[in-house]
Amino acid sequence: MGEPDDPLIPASEALHLVGATPTQPELREEDYVRLAAFRRALRRFLAFSEHSAREAGLTAQQHQALLSVKGAPPGVAPTVGYLADQLLLAPNSAAELTDRMVRTGLLERRTAPEDRRRVVLCLTPAAEGVLWRLSADHLRELSEAAPTLEALTALVRDRRA
């Protein structure tokens, strides 16, 4: 029997070989077109974001960290553990990132007022200004990507119907 990626094996047999089963109807050509357009728009946005962060003197990860801390929902304390979860980092990597950002004056550690045993992360005034400028630029960029995002919404809506 051939390998699952062997072009001579029908797709249904290849799925069987790798233990997968199709759970949705066949994909249409327009599904691929929409997915490709969304992936390109997403990659374009990420490239824009990385470039903007560099221009502002930050790494992309530092920008993401600032946004995660500032954007923590009400009632959620932005701790190192929270940052690790938001950035999909191991806790020790989030702690190292936090240490570097504290040393460079982007973040501060403060004792949580409601639980003095906890330490929360706060943006410094300088970080607030940088994040504000980056966020305004990102919102403008997202408004340009809106048609592609709307196409993705239509794709998902069509697939559910």
Protein backbone atom coordinates (compact mmCIF):
# COMPACT_ATOMS: atom_id res chain seq x y z
CA MET A 1 0.00 0.00 0.00
CA GLY A 2 1.28 3.54 -0.84
CA GLU A 3 1.92 6.50 1.39
CA PRO A 4 -1.01 8.85 2.23
CA ASP A 5 0.49 11.67 0.16
CA ASP A 6 1.00 9.44 -2.89
CA PRO A 7 -0.79 11.27 -5.74
CA LEU A 8 -2.07 7.95 -7.14
CA ILE A 9 -4.12 7.19 -4.02
CA PRO A 10 -7.65 8.63 -3.99
CA ALA A 11 -8.20 11.27 -1.30
CA SER A 12 -10.78 9.13 0.51
CA GLU A 13 -8.27 6.27 0.81
CA ALA A 14 -5.50 8.65 1.91
CA LEU A 15 -7.76 9.94 4.68
CA HIS A 16 -8.42 6.35 5.73
CA LEU A 17 -4.68 5.59 5.80
CA VAL A 18 -3.96 8.43 8.22
CA GLY A 19 -7.02 7.65 10.34
CA ALA A 20 -8.97 10.74 9.29
CA THR A 21 -12.55 10.86 8.13
CA PRO A 22 -14.16 13.76 6.32
CA THR A 23 -16.76 15.32 8.61
CA GLN A 24 -17.97 18.09 6.30
CA PRO A 25 -19.17 18.16 2.73
CA GLU A 26 -16.73 18.60 -0.12
CA LEU A 27 -14.95 21.92 -0.27
CA ARG A 28 -15.95 24.14 -3.16
CA GLU A 29 -13.51 26.07 -5.31
CA GLU A 30 -14.73 29.34 -3.76
CA ASP A 31 -13.92 27.94 -0.30
CA TYR A 32 -10.29 27.60 -1.31
CA VAL A 33 -10.30 31.07 -2.86
CA ARG A 34 -11.72 32.62 0.32
CA LEU A 35 -9.35 30.68 2.59
CA ALA A 36 -6.37 31.70 0.48
CA ALA A 37 -7.46 35.34 0.49
CA PHE A 38 -7.96 35.27 4.26
CA ARG A 39 -4.57 33.64 4.84
CA ARG A 40 -2.90 36.27 2.67
CA ALA A 41 -4.70 39.09 4.49
CA LEU A 42 -3.78 37.59 7.84
CA ARG A 43 -0.12 37.20 6.85
CA ARG A 44 -0.11 40.74 5.43
CA PHE A 45 -1.53 42.07 8.70
CA LEU A 46 1.03 40.14 10.75
CA ALA A 47 3.87 41.43 8.56
CA PHE A 48 2.51 44.96 9.00
CA SER A 49 2.30 44.43 12.76
CA GLU A 50 5.85 43.09 13.02
CA HIS A 51 7.19 45.98 10.93
CA SER A 52 5.25 48.56 12.97
CA ALA A 53 6.58 47.14 16.23
CA ARG A 54 10.17 47.29 14.92
CA GLU A 55 9.65 50.88 13.78
CA ALA A 56 8.43 51.72 17.30
CA GLY A 57 11.54 50.13 18.84
CA LEU A 58 9.81 46.96 20.03
CA THR A 59 9.92 43.33 19.08
CA ALA A 60 6.67 41.81 17.85
CA GLN A 61 6.50 39.80 21.07
CA GLN A 62 6.94 42.91 23.22
CA HIS A 63 4.12 44.60 21.32
CA GLN A 64 1.90 41.56 21.84
CA ALA A 65 2.77 41.54 25.53
CA LEU A 66 1.89 45.22 25.94
CA LEU A 67 -1.40 44.71 24.14
CA SER A 68 -2.21 41.64 26.25
CA VAL A 69 -1.52 43.46 29.52
CA LYS A 70 -3.45 46.58 28.48
CA GLY A 71 -6.27 44.53 26.94
CA ALA A 72 -6.88 42.20 29.88
CA PRO A 73 -10.64 41.99 30.41
CA PRO A 74 -12.15 43.69 33.46
CA GLY A 75 -11.64 41.54 36.53
CA VAL A 76 -8.69 39.67 35.01
CA ALA A 77 -5.33 40.49 36.55
CA PRO A 78 -2.52 40.64 33.97
CA THR A 79 0.02 38.41 35.71
CA VAL A 80 2.99 36.60 34.23
CA GLY A 81 0.80 33.48 34.04
CA TYR A 82 -1.86 35.43 32.16
CA LEU A 83 0.79 36.74 29.78
CA ALA A 84 2.09 33.21 29.19
CA ASP A 85 -1.43 32.07 28.32
CA GLN A 86 -2.11 35.02 26.02
CA LEU A 87 1.18 34.71 24.11
CA LEU A 88 1.19 30.90 24.12
CA LEU A 89 4.48 30.84 26.00
CA ALA A 90 5.86 28.56 28.68
CA PRO A 91 5.61 30.29 32.07
CA ASN A 92 9.39 30.60 32.38
CA SER A 93 9.58 32.23 28.93
CA ALA A 94 6.87 34.71 29.92
CA ALA A 95 8.79 35.47 33.12
CA GLU A 96 11.98 36.11 31.13
CA LEU A 97 10.11 38.34 28.68
CA THR A 98 8.60 40.24 31.62
CA ASP A 99 12.04 40.66 33.22
CA ARG A 100 13.44 42.12 29.98
CA MET A 101 10.47 44.46 29.59
CA VAL A 102 10.78 45.66 33.19
CA ARG A 103 14.50 46.34 32.65
CA THR A 104 13.78 48.35 29.49
CA GLY A 105 11.07 50.41 31.18
CA LEU A 106 8.04 48.98 29.37
CA LEU A 107 6.40 47.12 32.25
CA GLU A 108 6.19 47.45 36.00
CA ARG A 109 5.40 44.79 38.57
CA ARG A 110 2.92 45.87 41.24
CA THR A 111 1.36 44.13 44.19
CA ALA A 112 -2.29 43.35 43.49
CA PRO A 113 -4.46 45.54 45.73
CA GLU A 114 -7.00 42.77 46.39
CA ASP A 115 -4.38 40.10 47.15
CA ARG A 116 -0.99 41.32 48.30
CA ARG A 117 0.53 37.91 47.52
CA ARG A 118 -0.06 38.41 43.78
CA VAL A 119 1.98 40.52 41.40
CA VAL A 120 0.29 42.18 38.44
CA LEU A 121 1.88 43.71 35.37
CA CYS A 122 1.27 47.34 34.40
CA LEU A 123 2.40 49.40 31.44
CA THR A 124 4.71 52.31 32.11
CA PRO A 125 3.67 55.74 30.78
CA ALA A 126 6.20 55.37 27.95
CA ALA A 127 4.75 51.98 27.00
CA GLU A 128 1.23 53.44 27.10
CA GLY A 129 2.22 56.02 24.48
CA VAL A 130 3.92 53.51 22.19
CA LEU A 131 1.00 51.09 22.47
CA TRP A 132 -1.52 53.84 21.74
CA ARG A 133 0.29 54.78 18.51
CA LEU A 134 0.68 51.15 17.44
CA SER A 135 -2.96 50.36 18.21
CA ALA A 136 -4.22 53.35 16.22
CA ASP A 137 -2.10 52.23 13.24
CA HIS A 138 -3.33 48.65 13.61
CA LEU A 139 -6.96 49.71 13.65
CA ARG A 140 -6.42 51.66 10.42
CA GLU A 141 -4.76 48.63 8.85
CA LEU A 142 -7.60 46.36 9.95
CA SER A 143 -10.15 48.69 8.40
CA GLU A 144 -8.37 48.16 5.07
CA ALA A 145 -8.53 44.38 5.59
CA ALA A 146 -12.25 44.49 6.44
CA PRO A 147 -13.46 43.21 3.04
CA THR A 148 -11.35 40.08 3.39
CA LEU A 149 -12.51 39.58 6.95
CA GLU A 150 -16.11 39.96 5.79
CA ALA A 151 -15.42 37.31 3.13
CA LEU A 152 -14.22 34.98 5.89
CA THR A 153 -17.41 35.64 7.86
CA ALA A 154 -19.41 34.78 4.74
CA LEU A 155 -17.39 31.59 4.27
CA VAL A 156 -18.02 30.45 7.83
CA ARG A 157 -21.71 31.39 7.60
CA ASP A 158 -22.06 29.49 4.28
CA ARG A 159 -20.33 26.42 5.72
CA ARG A 160 -22.73 26.35 8.69
CA ALA A 161 -25.80 26.54 6.45
